[in-house]
Amino acid sequence: MKIIIGNKNYSSWSLRGWLAAKQSGLSFEEITVPMGGEAWDELKQDDSGTQPSHGKVPILWDGDNVVWDSLAILEYLADKVGRDRFWPKDETARGMARSMVAEMHSSYFALRGECPMNVRKRFDGFEPSEACRADILRILSLWAEARSRFGNGGPYLFGTFGAADVFFAPVVSRFISYQIPVPGFAAAYMQAMWEHEWMQGWVEASENEEWVIEQYETVS
């Protein structure tokens, strides 16, 4: 099994796919295709049928199976190793976790647009728009509810590390990079996420990358 990802410093969707692969417990080969480079252009232009994702990352290859989109990758792996590895066992908690992951997958466009992921950068003086502020408040309210209702079993959103944490990991990175003020419970959750061994591995690799994409290096 192998996973194709973009730059670790910038590619939020790659982080989700990679964390899902780590959470599966299966061994996999990691292939990085730098965004904006020649290999990236070749990936996007490949119409041979071997890249049905049309150049999007992450891409999971498992034998003859090619799965793209981070949520599809997570669900494919959950089917493969058991859904309880990714989703809460409690039906009510599982319903909320699924809803939060789906909303993260399809929403928060202002936050995405104004705060591109840049793991190794710290931006001073960032002022979110009203739309971005609304996204932030919505995320914090969901985190608060998940932690208060279902977080007794550990420091993560639903206690133990799972699909919801996989999908909100890039948000944690964004909040840190753009120095978004958060309440204490959120700061504790973010610290637990940031100190997770997989996140630390990703952060270290991000810091060691040589590639720089200038448009993501300044606050507009």
N, C-alpha and C. Protein backbone atom coordinates (compact mmCIF):
# COMPACT_ATOMS: atom_id res chain seq x y z
N MET A 1 0.85 -1.18 0.00
CA MET A 1 0.00 0.00 0.00
C MET A 1 0.89 1.24 0.00
N LYS A 2 0.51 2.25 -0.74
CA LYS A 2 1.27 3.49 -0.74
C LYS A 2 0.32 4.67 -0.81
N ILE A 3 0.78 5.81 -0.29
CA ILE A 3 -0.02 7.03 -0.32
C ILE A 3 0.80 8.14 -0.95
N ILE A 4 0.20 8.82 -1.89
CA ILE A 4 0.83 9.95 -2.57
C ILE A 4 0.30 11.23 -1.94
N ILE A 5 1.20 12.08 -1.48
CA ILE A 5 0.80 13.32 -0.80
C ILE A 5 1.53 14.50 -1.42
N GLY A 6 1.03 15.71 -1.12
CA GLY A 6 1.70 16.94 -1.50
C GLY A 6 2.63 17.39 -0.39
N ASN A 7 3.11 18.63 -0.50
CA ASN A 7 4.03 19.19 0.49
C ASN A 7 3.42 19.09 1.88
N LYS A 8 4.19 18.60 2.83
CA LYS A 8 3.67 18.47 4.19
C LYS A 8 3.43 19.83 4.83
N ASN A 9 4.18 20.82 4.44
CA ASN A 9 4.00 22.14 5.04
C ASN A 9 2.68 22.79 4.64
N TYR A 10 2.20 22.50 3.45
CA TYR A 10 1.06 23.25 2.91
C TYR A 10 -0.20 22.40 2.67
N SER A 11 -0.07 21.11 2.47
CA SER A 11 -1.20 20.32 1.98
C SER A 11 -2.04 19.77 3.12
N SER A 12 -3.12 20.45 3.44
CA SER A 12 -3.98 20.03 4.55
C SER A 12 -4.68 18.71 4.25
N TRP A 13 -5.11 18.52 3.02
CA TRP A 13 -5.80 17.28 2.67
C TRP A 13 -4.83 16.11 2.72
N SER A 14 -3.58 16.34 2.36
CA SER A 14 -2.58 15.28 2.47
C SER A 14 -2.39 14.86 3.93
N LEU A 15 -2.39 15.84 4.83
CA LEU A 15 -2.26 15.52 6.25
C LEU A 15 -3.39 14.60 6.69
N ARG A 16 -4.60 14.89 6.25
CA ARG A 16 -5.74 14.04 6.64
C ARG A 16 -5.59 12.62 6.11
N GLY A 17 -5.23 12.49 4.84
CA GLY A 17 -5.07 11.16 4.27
C GLY A 17 -3.95 10.39 4.93
N TRP A 18 -2.86 11.08 5.22
CA TRP A 18 -1.69 10.45 5.85
C TRP A 18 -2.02 10.00 7.27
N LEU A 19 -2.72 10.85 8.03
CA LEU A 19 -3.11 10.47 9.39
C LEU A 19 -4.08 9.29 9.37
N ALA A 20 -4.96 9.26 8.39
CA ALA A 20 -5.87 8.12 8.26
C ALA A 20 -5.09 6.84 8.01
N ALA A 21 -4.07 6.92 7.17
CA ALA A 21 -3.23 5.75 6.90
C ALA A 21 -2.49 5.32 8.17
N LYS A 22 -1.98 6.28 8.94
CA LYS A 22 -1.31 5.95 10.18
C LYS A 22 -2.29 5.30 11.16
N GLN A 23 -3.49 5.85 11.26
CA GLN A 23 -4.49 5.34 12.19
C GLN A 23 -4.92 3.91 11.82
N SER A 24 -4.84 3.56 10.56
CA SER A 24 -5.23 2.22 10.14
C SER A 24 -4.33 1.14 10.73
N GLY A 25 -3.10 1.50 11.07
CA GLY A 25 -2.16 0.54 11.59
C GLY A 25 -1.48 -0.30 10.52
N LEU A 26 -1.82 -0.07 9.25
CA LEU A 26 -1.24 -0.83 8.14
C LEU A 26 0.07 -0.17 7.70
N SER A 27 0.98 -0.96 7.20
CA SER A 27 2.21 -0.41 6.68
C SER A 27 1.96 0.19 5.30
N PHE A 28 2.62 1.27 4.99
CA PHE A 28 2.43 1.92 3.69
C PHE A 28 3.69 2.68 3.31
N GLU A 29 3.84 2.83 2.00
CA GLU A 29 4.94 3.64 1.45
C GLU A 29 4.41 5.05 1.23
N GLU A 30 5.24 6.02 1.54
CA GLU A 30 4.86 7.44 1.40
C GLU A 30 5.61 8.06 0.24
N ILE A 31 4.87 8.69 -0.67
CA ILE A 31 5.47 9.35 -1.83
C ILE A 31 5.01 10.80 -1.84
N THR A 32 5.97 11.73 -1.79
CA THR A 32 5.65 13.15 -1.80
C THR A 32 5.86 13.72 -3.19
N VAL A 33 4.83 14.41 -3.71
CA VAL A 33 4.92 15.11 -4.99
C VAL A 33 4.79 16.60 -4.70
N PRO A 34 5.88 17.37 -4.78
CA PRO A 34 5.83 18.79 -4.43
C PRO A 34 4.83 19.56 -5.29
N MET A 35 3.95 20.28 -4.64
CA MET A 35 2.96 21.09 -5.37
C MET A 35 3.67 22.18 -6.14
N GLY A 36 3.27 22.34 -7.40
CA GLY A 36 3.83 23.40 -8.22
C GLY A 36 5.07 23.02 -8.99
N GLY A 37 5.62 21.81 -8.74
CA GLY A 37 6.81 21.38 -9.45
C GLY A 37 6.48 20.60 -10.71
N GLU A 38 7.50 20.13 -11.40
CA GLU A 38 7.31 19.39 -12.64
C GLU A 38 6.53 18.10 -12.41
N ALA A 39 6.85 17.40 -11.32
CA ALA A 39 6.15 16.15 -11.03
C ALA A 39 4.68 16.41 -10.75
N TRP A 40 4.39 17.55 -10.14
CA TRP A 40 3.00 17.92 -9.86
C TRP A 40 2.25 18.18 -11.16
N ASP A 41 2.87 18.89 -12.07
CA ASP A 41 2.24 19.15 -13.37
C ASP A 41 1.99 17.86 -14.13
N GLU A 42 2.94 16.94 -14.06
CA GLU A 42 2.77 15.66 -14.73
C GLU A 42 1.62 14.87 -14.12
N LEU A 43 1.50 14.94 -12.80
CA LEU A 43 0.42 14.24 -12.10
C LEU A 43 -0.93 14.78 -12.54
N LYS A 44 -1.04 16.09 -12.65
CA LYS A 44 -2.31 16.71 -13.04
C LYS A 44 -2.68 16.43 -14.49
N GLN A 45 -1.65 16.29 -15.33
CA GLN A 45 -1.91 16.14 -16.76
C GLN A 45 -2.01 14.68 -17.20
N ASP A 46 -1.76 13.75 -16.28
CA ASP A 46 -1.77 12.33 -16.63
C ASP A 46 -3.20 11.88 -16.93
N ASP A 47 -3.48 11.54 -18.18
CA ASP A 47 -4.81 11.06 -18.56
C ASP A 47 -4.74 9.61 -19.05
N SER A 48 -3.74 8.88 -18.56
CA SER A 48 -3.53 7.51 -19.01
C SER A 48 -4.49 6.53 -18.37
N GLY A 49 -5.23 6.99 -17.36
CA GLY A 49 -6.12 6.10 -16.64
C GLY A 49 -5.49 5.54 -15.38
N THR A 50 -4.18 5.73 -15.21
CA THR A 50 -3.52 5.26 -14.00
C THR A 50 -3.67 6.25 -12.86
N GLN A 51 -4.12 7.47 -13.14
CA GLN A 51 -4.31 8.48 -12.12
C GLN A 51 -5.75 9.00 -12.20
N PRO A 52 -6.75 8.19 -11.82
CA PRO A 52 -8.14 8.64 -11.95
C PRO A 52 -8.50 9.80 -11.03
N SER A 53 -7.59 10.17 -10.13
CA SER A 53 -7.85 11.31 -9.25
C SER A 53 -7.66 12.63 -9.95
N HIS A 54 -7.12 12.62 -11.19
CA HIS A 54 -6.87 13.85 -11.96
C HIS A 54 -5.93 14.79 -11.21
N GLY A 55 -4.89 14.19 -10.63
CA GLY A 55 -3.84 15.00 -10.03
C GLY A 55 -4.13 15.55 -8.66
N LYS A 56 -5.16 15.07 -8.00
CA LYS A 56 -5.44 15.52 -6.64
C LYS A 56 -4.68 14.64 -5.65
N VAL A 57 -4.33 15.23 -4.53
CA VAL A 57 -3.73 14.47 -3.44
C VAL A 57 -4.61 14.65 -2.20
N PRO A 58 -4.60 13.67 -1.31
CA PRO A 58 -3.83 12.44 -1.33
C PRO A 58 -4.47 11.37 -2.22
N ILE A 59 -3.64 10.39 -2.60
CA ILE A 59 -4.10 9.23 -3.36
C ILE A 59 -3.57 7.99 -2.65
N LEU A 60 -4.45 7.04 -2.40
CA LEU A 60 -4.05 5.78 -1.80
C LEU A 60 -4.07 4.68 -2.85
N TRP A 61 -2.96 3.97 -2.97
CA TRP A 61 -2.86 2.81 -3.85
C TRP A 61 -2.78 1.58 -2.97
N ASP A 62 -3.67 0.63 -3.20
CA ASP A 62 -3.68 -0.63 -2.46
C ASP A 62 -3.91 -1.76 -3.46
N GLY A 63 -2.83 -2.29 -3.98
CA GLY A 63 -2.96 -3.28 -5.05
C GLY A 63 -3.55 -2.63 -6.29
N ASP A 64 -4.66 -3.17 -6.76
CA ASP A 64 -5.33 -2.61 -7.92
C ASP A 64 -6.29 -1.49 -7.55
N ASN A 65 -6.48 -1.24 -6.28
CA ASN A 65 -7.42 -0.22 -5.83
C ASN A 65 -6.74 1.14 -5.74
N VAL A 66 -7.36 2.15 -6.34
CA VAL A 66 -6.88 3.52 -6.26
C VAL A 66 -7.99 4.35 -5.62
N VAL A 67 -7.68 4.94 -4.48
CA VAL A 67 -8.68 5.71 -3.73
C VAL A 67 -8.14 7.12 -3.53
N TRP A 68 -8.92 8.12 -3.91
CA TRP A 68 -8.51 9.50 -3.70
C TRP A 68 -9.58 10.22 -2.90
N ASP A 69 -9.28 11.39 -2.44
CA ASP A 69 -10.08 12.18 -1.50
C ASP A 69 -9.88 11.63 -0.09
N SER A 70 -9.53 12.49 0.82
CA SER A 70 -9.14 12.06 2.17
C SER A 70 -10.26 11.32 2.90
N LEU A 71 -11.51 11.76 2.73
CA LEU A 71 -12.60 11.07 3.40
C LEU A 71 -12.81 9.68 2.82
N ALA A 72 -12.72 9.55 1.50
CA ALA A 72 -12.84 8.24 0.87
C ALA A 72 -11.71 7.32 1.34
N ILE A 73 -10.51 7.88 1.47
CA ILE A 73 -9.38 7.08 1.96
C ILE A 73 -9.63 6.59 3.38
N LEU A 74 -10.11 7.49 4.24
CA LEU A 74 -10.39 7.09 5.62
C LEU A 74 -11.45 6.00 5.67
N GLU A 75 -12.51 6.15 4.90
CA GLU A 75 -13.59 5.16 4.92
C GLU A 75 -13.13 3.83 4.32
N TYR A 76 -12.31 3.89 3.28
CA TYR A 76 -11.76 2.67 2.69
C TYR A 76 -10.93 1.91 3.73
N LEU A 77 -10.10 2.64 4.45
CA LEU A 77 -9.25 2.01 5.45
C LEU A 77 -10.07 1.50 6.63
N ALA A 78 -11.13 2.24 7.00
CA ALA A 78 -12.00 1.78 8.08
C ALA A 78 -12.68 0.47 7.71
N ASP A 79 -13.11 0.34 6.46
CA ASP A 79 -13.68 -0.92 6.00
C ASP A 79 -12.66 -2.04 6.08
N LYS A 80 -11.41 -1.71 5.85
CA LYS A 80 -10.34 -2.70 5.76
C LYS A 80 -9.91 -3.22 7.13
N VAL A 81 -9.85 -2.33 8.11
CA VAL A 81 -9.29 -2.71 9.42
C VAL A 81 -10.32 -2.73 10.54
N GLY A 82 -11.52 -2.28 10.27
CA GLY A 82 -12.54 -2.22 11.32
C GLY A 82 -12.90 -0.78 11.65
N ARG A 83 -14.19 -0.49 11.63
CA ARG A 83 -14.64 0.89 11.76
C ARG A 83 -14.42 1.46 13.15
N ASP A 84 -14.35 0.58 14.16
CA ASP A 84 -14.15 1.07 15.52
C ASP A 84 -12.78 1.70 15.71
N ARG A 85 -11.85 1.42 14.82
CA ARG A 85 -10.53 2.06 14.91
C ARG A 85 -10.62 3.55 14.62
N PHE A 86 -11.62 3.94 13.84
CA PHE A 86 -11.76 5.33 13.42
C PHE A 86 -12.93 6.06 14.08
N TRP A 87 -14.01 5.35 14.35
CA TRP A 87 -15.25 5.99 14.80
C TRP A 87 -15.61 5.54 16.21
N PRO A 88 -16.24 6.43 17.00
CA PRO A 88 -16.66 6.03 18.35
C PRO A 88 -17.61 4.84 18.31
N LYS A 89 -17.52 3.99 19.31
CA LYS A 89 -18.41 2.83 19.39
C LYS A 89 -19.83 3.24 19.76
N ASP A 90 -19.94 4.25 20.61
CA ASP A 90 -21.26 4.73 21.02
C ASP A 90 -22.00 5.33 19.83
N GLU A 91 -23.25 4.93 19.64
CA GLU A 91 -24.01 5.34 18.45
C GLU A 91 -24.21 6.85 18.40
N THR A 92 -24.50 7.47 19.53
CA THR A 92 -24.74 8.91 19.56
C THR A 92 -23.44 9.67 19.25
N ALA A 93 -22.37 9.23 19.87
CA ALA A 93 -21.07 9.86 19.62
C ALA A 93 -20.66 9.66 18.16
N ARG A 94 -20.90 8.47 17.64
CA ARG A 94 -20.53 8.19 16.26
C ARG A 94 -21.30 9.08 15.29
N GLY A 95 -22.57 9.30 15.58
CA GLY A 95 -23.37 10.18 14.73
C GLY A 95 -22.83 11.60 14.71
N MET A 96 -22.43 12.10 15.89
CA MET A 96 -21.88 13.45 15.94
C MET A 96 -20.52 13.50 15.24
N ALA A 97 -19.69 12.48 15.47
CA ALA A 97 -18.37 12.46 14.83
C ALA A 97 -18.50 12.45 13.32
N ARG A 98 -19.40 11.65 12.79
CA ARG A 98 -19.62 11.62 11.34
C ARG A 98 -20.09 12.98 10.83
N SER A 99 -20.97 13.62 11.57
CA SER A 99 -21.48 14.93 11.15
C SER A 99 -20.37 15.96 11.15
N MET A 100 -19.52 15.94 12.17
CA MET A 100 -18.43 16.90 12.25
C MET A 100 -17.43 16.69 11.11
N VAL A 101 -17.12 15.44 10.82
CA VAL A 101 -16.18 15.15 9.73
C VAL A 101 -16.77 15.59 8.39
N ALA A 102 -18.06 15.31 8.17
CA ALA A 102 -18.70 15.71 6.92
C ALA A 102 -18.73 17.22 6.77
N GLU A 103 -19.01 17.93 7.88
CA GLU A 103 -19.05 19.40 7.83
C GLU A 103 -17.65 19.95 7.57
N MET A 104 -16.64 19.36 8.19
CA MET A 104 -15.26 19.81 7.95
C MET A 104 -14.88 19.58 6.50
N HIS A 105 -15.34 18.48 5.94
CA HIS A 105 -15.00 18.12 4.57
C HIS A 105 -15.61 19.08 3.55
N SER A 106 -16.76 19.67 3.90
CA SER A 106 -17.52 20.43 2.90
C SER A 106 -17.68 21.90 3.22
N SER A 107 -17.15 22.38 4.33
CA SER A 107 -17.47 23.73 4.79
C SER A 107 -16.23 24.54 5.14
N TYR A 108 -16.47 25.68 5.82
CA TYR A 108 -15.43 26.56 6.34
C TYR A 108 -14.56 27.15 5.24
N PHE A 109 -15.21 27.65 4.20
CA PHE A 109 -14.47 28.18 3.05
C PHE A 109 -13.72 29.46 3.38
N ALA A 110 -14.27 30.27 4.27
CA ALA A 110 -13.58 31.51 4.64
C ALA A 110 -12.29 31.20 5.39
N LEU A 111 -12.35 30.27 6.32
CA LEU A 111 -11.15 29.87 7.06
C LEU A 111 -10.11 29.29 6.12
N ARG A 112 -10.54 28.43 5.21
CA ARG A 112 -9.61 27.83 4.26
C ARG A 112 -8.94 28.91 3.40
N GLY A 113 -9.75 29.86 2.92
CA GLY A 113 -9.24 30.87 2.01
C GLY A 113 -8.32 31.87 2.67
N GLU A 114 -8.66 32.27 3.90
CA GLU A 114 -7.88 33.29 4.58
C GLU A 114 -6.69 32.72 5.36
N CYS A 115 -6.74 31.44 5.68
CA CYS A 115 -5.69 30.83 6.50
C CYS A 115 -5.18 29.55 5.85
N PRO A 116 -4.50 29.63 4.71
CA PRO A 116 -3.91 28.43 4.12
C PRO A 116 -2.97 27.76 5.12
N MET A 117 -2.93 26.44 5.10
CA MET A 117 -2.07 25.76 6.05
C MET A 117 -0.61 26.03 5.74
N ASN A 118 0.13 26.40 6.75
CA ASN A 118 1.57 26.60 6.67
C ASN A 118 2.14 26.20 8.02
N VAL A 119 2.52 24.94 8.13
CA VAL A 119 2.86 24.35 9.43
C VAL A 119 3.99 25.08 10.12
N ARG A 120 5.01 25.48 9.37
CA ARG A 120 6.21 26.03 10.01
C ARG A 120 6.17 27.54 10.21
N LYS A 121 5.10 28.18 9.80
CA LYS A 121 5.03 29.66 9.85
C LYS A 121 4.18 30.12 11.03
N ARG A 122 4.52 31.28 11.59
CA ARG A 122 3.69 31.96 12.59
C ARG A 122 3.42 33.37 12.08
N PHE A 123 2.16 33.69 11.88
CA PHE A 123 1.77 34.97 11.31
C PHE A 123 1.36 35.92 12.43
N ASP A 124 1.91 37.11 12.42
CA ASP A 124 1.56 38.13 13.40
C ASP A 124 0.49 39.06 12.84
N GLY A 125 -0.41 39.45 13.69
CA GLY A 125 -1.38 40.47 13.34
C GLY A 125 -2.50 40.03 12.41
N PHE A 126 -2.78 38.73 12.34
CA PHE A 126 -3.85 38.28 11.46
C PHE A 126 -5.21 38.69 12.04
N GLU A 127 -6.03 39.29 11.19
CA GLU A 127 -7.38 39.70 11.56
C GLU A 127 -8.38 38.99 10.66
N PRO A 128 -9.12 38.03 11.18
CA PRO A 128 -10.07 37.30 10.34
C PRO A 128 -11.26 38.17 9.95
N SER A 129 -11.80 37.90 8.77
CA SER A 129 -13.04 38.55 8.36
C SER A 129 -14.19 38.03 9.21
N GLU A 130 -15.34 38.65 9.07
CA GLU A 130 -16.52 38.19 9.82
C GLU A 130 -16.86 36.75 9.45
N ALA A 131 -16.75 36.44 8.16
CA ALA A 131 -17.05 35.08 7.71
C ALA A 131 -16.07 34.08 8.30
N CYS A 132 -14.80 34.45 8.34
CA CYS A 132 -13.79 33.57 8.91
C CYS A 132 -13.99 33.43 10.41
N ARG A 133 -14.35 34.52 11.06
CA ARG A 133 -14.61 34.48 12.49
C ARG A 133 -15.78 33.55 12.80
N ALA A 134 -16.77 33.58 11.94
CA ALA A 134 -17.93 32.69 12.12
C ALA A 134 -17.52 31.23 11.99
N ASP A 135 -16.64 30.95 11.03
CA ASP A 135 -16.13 29.58 10.88
C ASP A 135 -15.39 29.15 12.14
N ILE A 136 -14.56 30.03 12.67
CA ILE A 136 -13.79 29.70 13.86
C ILE A 136 -14.71 29.42 15.05
N LEU A 137 -15.70 30.27 15.23
CA LEU A 137 -16.63 30.09 16.35
C LEU A 137 -17.44 28.80 16.20
N ARG A 138 -17.81 28.47 14.97
CA ARG A 138 -18.55 27.23 14.73
C ARG A 138 -17.69 26.03 15.09
N ILE A 139 -16.45 26.04 14.68
CA ILE A 139 -15.54 24.93 14.99
C ILE A 139 -15.34 24.81 16.49
N LEU A 140 -15.12 25.92 17.16
CA LEU A 140 -14.91 25.88 18.61
C LEU A 140 -16.14 25.37 19.33
N SER A 141 -17.33 25.72 18.85
CA SER A 141 -18.56 25.23 19.49
C SER A 141 -18.70 23.72 19.31
N LEU A 142 -18.32 23.21 18.15
CA LEU A 142 -18.37 21.76 17.93
C LEU A 142 -17.35 21.05 18.79
N TRP A 143 -16.15 21.60 18.87
CA TRP A 143 -15.13 21.00 19.73
C TRP A 143 -15.62 20.96 21.18
N ALA A 144 -16.23 22.06 21.62
CA ALA A 144 -16.70 22.13 23.01
C ALA A 144 -17.76 21.06 23.29
N GLU A 145 -18.69 20.90 22.36
CA GLU A 145 -19.75 19.91 22.56
C GLU A 145 -19.19 18.50 22.55
N ALA A 146 -18.31 18.20 21.61
CA ALA A 146 -17.73 16.86 21.54
C ALA A 146 -16.95 16.55 22.81
N ARG A 147 -16.14 17.49 23.26
CA ARG A 147 -15.33 17.26 24.45
C ARG A 147 -16.19 17.10 25.69
N SER A 148 -17.22 17.94 25.84
CA SER A 148 -18.04 17.90 27.05
C SER A 148 -18.92 16.65 27.10
N ARG A 149 -19.41 16.21 25.94
CA ARG A 149 -20.33 15.08 25.91
C ARG A 149 -19.61 13.73 25.81
N PHE A 150 -18.51 13.69 25.08
CA PHE A 150 -17.93 12.40 24.74
C PHE A 150 -16.42 12.31 24.97
N GLY A 151 -15.82 13.31 25.59
CA GLY A 151 -14.37 13.35 25.68
C GLY A 151 -13.75 12.79 26.95
N ASN A 152 -14.53 12.08 27.75
CA ASN A 152 -14.00 11.62 29.04
C ASN A 152 -12.89 10.58 28.90
N GLY A 153 -12.83 9.88 27.79
CA GLY A 153 -11.88 8.78 27.66
C GLY A 153 -10.49 9.17 27.23
N GLY A 154 -10.21 10.46 27.09
CA GLY A 154 -8.89 10.89 26.65
C GLY A 154 -8.91 12.34 26.25
N PRO A 155 -7.80 12.87 25.72
CA PRO A 155 -7.68 14.30 25.44
C PRO A 155 -8.21 14.74 24.08
N TYR A 156 -8.71 13.78 23.28
CA TYR A 156 -9.12 14.11 21.91
C TYR A 156 -10.62 14.39 21.85
N LEU A 157 -11.12 14.74 20.69
CA LEU A 157 -12.49 15.23 20.59
C LEU A 157 -13.51 14.25 21.15
N PHE A 158 -13.32 12.97 20.85
CA PHE A 158 -14.23 11.94 21.36
C PHE A 158 -13.48 10.99 22.31
N GLY A 159 -12.54 11.54 23.04
CA GLY A 159 -11.76 10.77 24.00
C GLY A 159 -10.51 10.21 23.38
N THR A 160 -10.65 9.12 22.63
CA THR A 160 -9.51 8.53 21.95
C THR A 160 -9.37 9.11 20.55
N PHE A 161 -8.16 9.07 20.02
CA PHE A 161 -7.87 9.62 18.70
C PHE A 161 -8.67 8.88 17.63
N GLY A 162 -9.31 9.64 16.73
CA GLY A 162 -10.14 9.02 15.70
C GLY A 162 -10.35 9.91 14.50
N ALA A 163 -11.37 9.59 13.73
CA ALA A 163 -11.62 10.27 12.46
C ALA A 163 -11.80 11.77 12.62
N ALA A 164 -12.50 12.19 13.66
CA ALA A 164 -12.73 13.63 13.85
C ALA A 164 -11.41 14.37 14.05
N ASP A 165 -10.51 13.76 14.80
CA ASP A 165 -9.20 14.39 15.02
C ASP A 165 -8.37 14.42 13.74
N VAL A 166 -8.48 13.35 12.95
CA VAL A 166 -7.81 13.33 11.65
C VAL A 166 -8.24 14.52 10.81
N PHE A 167 -9.54 14.80 10.81
CA PHE A 167 -10.05 15.84 9.93
C PHE A 167 -9.86 17.24 10.48
N PHE A 168 -9.77 17.40 11.78
CA PHE A 168 -9.55 18.73 12.33
C PHE A 168 -8.07 19.02 12.60
N ALA A 169 -7.19 18.05 12.31
CA ALA A 169 -5.76 18.28 12.52
C ALA A 169 -5.24 19.51 11.77
N PRO A 170 -5.60 19.71 10.48
CA PRO A 170 -5.13 20.92 9.80
C PRO A 170 -5.69 22.21 10.39
N VAL A 171 -6.87 22.14 11.01
CA VAL A 171 -7.43 23.32 11.67
C VAL A 171 -6.59 23.66 12.89
N VAL A 172 -6.18 22.65 13.64
CA VAL A 172 -5.29 22.88 14.77
C VAL A 172 -4.02 23.59 14.29
N SER A 173 -3.46 23.11 13.20
CA SER A 173 -2.26 23.75 12.64
C SER A 173 -2.54 25.20 12.25
N ARG A 174 -3.67 25.44 11.61
CA ARG A 174 -4.01 26.80 11.20
C ARG A 174 -4.17 27.71 12.42
N PHE A 175 -4.88 27.25 13.44
CA PHE A 175 -5.08 28.09 14.62
C PHE A 175 -3.74 28.45 15.26
N ILE A 176 -2.80 27.52 15.24
CA ILE A 176 -1.48 27.79 15.80
C ILE A 176 -0.72 28.77 14.91
N SER A 177 -0.73 28.52 13.61
CA SER A 177 0.04 29.37 12.68
C SER A 177 -0.46 30.81 12.67
N TYR A 178 -1.79 30.99 12.72
CA TYR A 178 -2.36 32.34 12.64
C TYR A 178 -2.66 32.91 14.01
N GLN A 179 -2.23 32.19 15.05
CA GLN A 179 -2.33 32.64 16.44
C GLN A 179 -3.76 33.06 16.79
N ILE A 180 -4.69 32.16 16.49
CA ILE A 180 -6.10 32.40 16.77
C ILE A 180 -6.35 32.23 18.27
N PRO A 181 -6.91 33.23 18.94
CA PRO A 181 -7.21 33.08 20.37
C PRO A 181 -8.30 32.03 20.58
N VAL A 182 -8.07 31.11 21.51
CA VAL A 182 -9.05 30.06 21.79
C VAL A 182 -9.21 29.91 23.30
N PRO A 183 -10.37 29.42 23.74
CA PRO A 183 -10.56 29.17 25.17
C PRO A 183 -9.70 28.01 25.66
N GLY A 184 -9.64 27.87 26.98
CA GLY A 184 -8.74 26.90 27.59
C GLY A 184 -8.94 25.47 27.14
N PHE A 185 -10.20 25.03 27.03
CA PHE A 185 -10.44 23.64 26.64
C PHE A 185 -9.90 23.38 25.24
N ALA A 186 -10.03 24.37 24.33
CA ALA A 186 -9.55 24.22 22.97
C ALA A 186 -8.02 24.23 22.93
N ALA A 187 -7.42 25.08 23.75
CA ALA A 187 -5.96 25.11 23.83
C ALA A 187 -5.42 23.77 24.31
N ALA A 188 -6.10 23.14 25.28
CA ALA A 188 -5.67 21.83 25.78
C ALA A 188 -5.79 20.77 24.71
N TYR A 189 -6.89 20.82 23.96
CA TYR A 189 -7.07 19.85 22.88
C TYR A 189 -6.01 20.06 21.80
N MET A 190 -5.76 21.30 21.44
CA MET A 190 -4.76 21.59 20.41
C MET A 190 -3.37 21.14 20.86
N GLN A 191 -3.06 21.31 22.14
CA GLN A 191 -1.77 20.88 22.64
C GLN A 191 -1.64 19.36 22.53
N ALA A 192 -2.72 18.64 22.90
CA ALA A 192 -2.71 17.18 22.79
C ALA A 192 -2.51 16.74 21.35
N MET A 193 -3.18 17.42 20.43
CA MET A 193 -3.03 17.08 19.02
C MET A 193 -1.62 17.38 18.53
N TRP A 194 -1.11 18.54 18.88
CA TRP A 194 0.21 18.96 18.39
C TRP A 194 1.32 18.05 18.92
N GLU A 195 1.11 17.53 20.13
CA GLU A 195 2.12 16.68 20.75
C GLU A 195 1.98 15.21 20.39
N HIS A 196 0.92 14.87 19.66
CA HIS A 196 0.76 13.48 19.21
C HIS A 196 1.97 13.11 18.36
N GLU A 197 2.46 11.89 18.53
CA GLU A 197 3.70 11.50 17.86
C GLU A 197 3.58 11.61 16.33
N TRP A 198 2.42 11.32 15.78
CA TRP A 198 2.27 11.43 14.32
C TRP A 198 2.32 12.87 13.87
N MET A 199 1.65 13.75 14.63
CA MET A 199 1.70 15.18 14.29
C MET A 199 3.12 15.71 14.42
N GLN A 200 3.82 15.29 15.44
CA GLN A 200 5.20 15.74 15.61
C GLN A 200 6.07 15.27 14.45
N GLY A 201 5.83 14.07 13.97
CA GLY A 201 6.56 13.59 12.81
C GLY A 201 6.28 14.40 11.57
N TRP A 202 5.00 14.76 11.40
CA TRP A 202 4.61 15.58 10.25
C TRP A 202 5.22 16.98 10.35
N VAL A 203 5.17 17.56 11.54
CA VAL A 203 5.72 18.90 11.75
C VAL A 203 7.22 18.91 11.46
N GLU A 204 7.92 17.92 11.98
CA GLU A 204 9.36 17.85 11.75
C GLU A 204 9.69 17.74 10.26
N ALA A 205 8.93 16.90 9.56
CA ALA A 205 9.15 16.77 8.11
C ALA A 205 8.83 18.07 7.39
N SER A 206 7.79 18.78 7.83
CA SER A 206 7.43 20.07 7.22
C SER A 206 8.56 21.07 7.36
N GLU A 207 9.14 21.10 8.53
CA GLU A 207 10.23 22.05 8.79
C GLU A 207 11.47 21.73 7.98
N ASN A 208 11.63 20.48 7.59
CA ASN A 208 12.81 20.07 6.83
C ASN A 208 12.61 20.15 5.32
N GLU A 209 11.39 20.46 4.89
CA GLU A 209 11.16 20.57 3.45
C GLU A 209 11.86 21.79 2.88
N GLU A 210 12.37 21.65 1.68
CA GLU A 210 13.07 22.76 1.02
C GLU A 210 12.12 23.61 0.19
N TRP A 211 10.96 23.08 -0.18
CA TRP A 211 10.07 23.79 -1.10
C TRP A 211 9.34 24.93 -0.40
N VAL A 212 9.22 26.04 -1.11
CA VAL A 212 8.50 27.21 -0.60
C VAL A 212 7.51 27.66 -1.66
N ILE A 213 6.26 27.85 -1.25
CA ILE A 213 5.23 28.40 -2.13
C ILE A 213 4.90 29.80 -1.61
N GLU A 214 5.37 30.80 -2.34
CA GLU A 214 5.36 32.18 -1.84
C GLU A 214 3.96 32.68 -1.47
N GLN A 215 2.94 32.26 -2.22
CA GLN A 215 1.60 32.78 -1.99
C GLN A 215 1.05 32.36 -0.63
N TYR A 216 1.63 31.35 -0.02
CA TYR A 216 1.18 30.89 1.29
C TYR A 216 2.09 31.37 2.42
N GLU A 217 3.00 32.27 2.08
CA GLU A 217 3.97 32.72 3.08
C GLU A 217 3.65 34.09 3.66
N THR A 218 2.61 34.75 3.17
CA THR A 218 2.22 36.05 3.69
C THR A 218 0.73 36.10 3.94
N VAL A 219 0.33 36.94 4.84
CA VAL A 219 -1.10 37.17 5.12
C VAL A 219 -1.59 38.24 4.17
N SER A 220 -2.64 37.94 3.41
CA SER A 220 -3.15 38.92 2.46
C SER A 220 -4.08 39.92 3.15
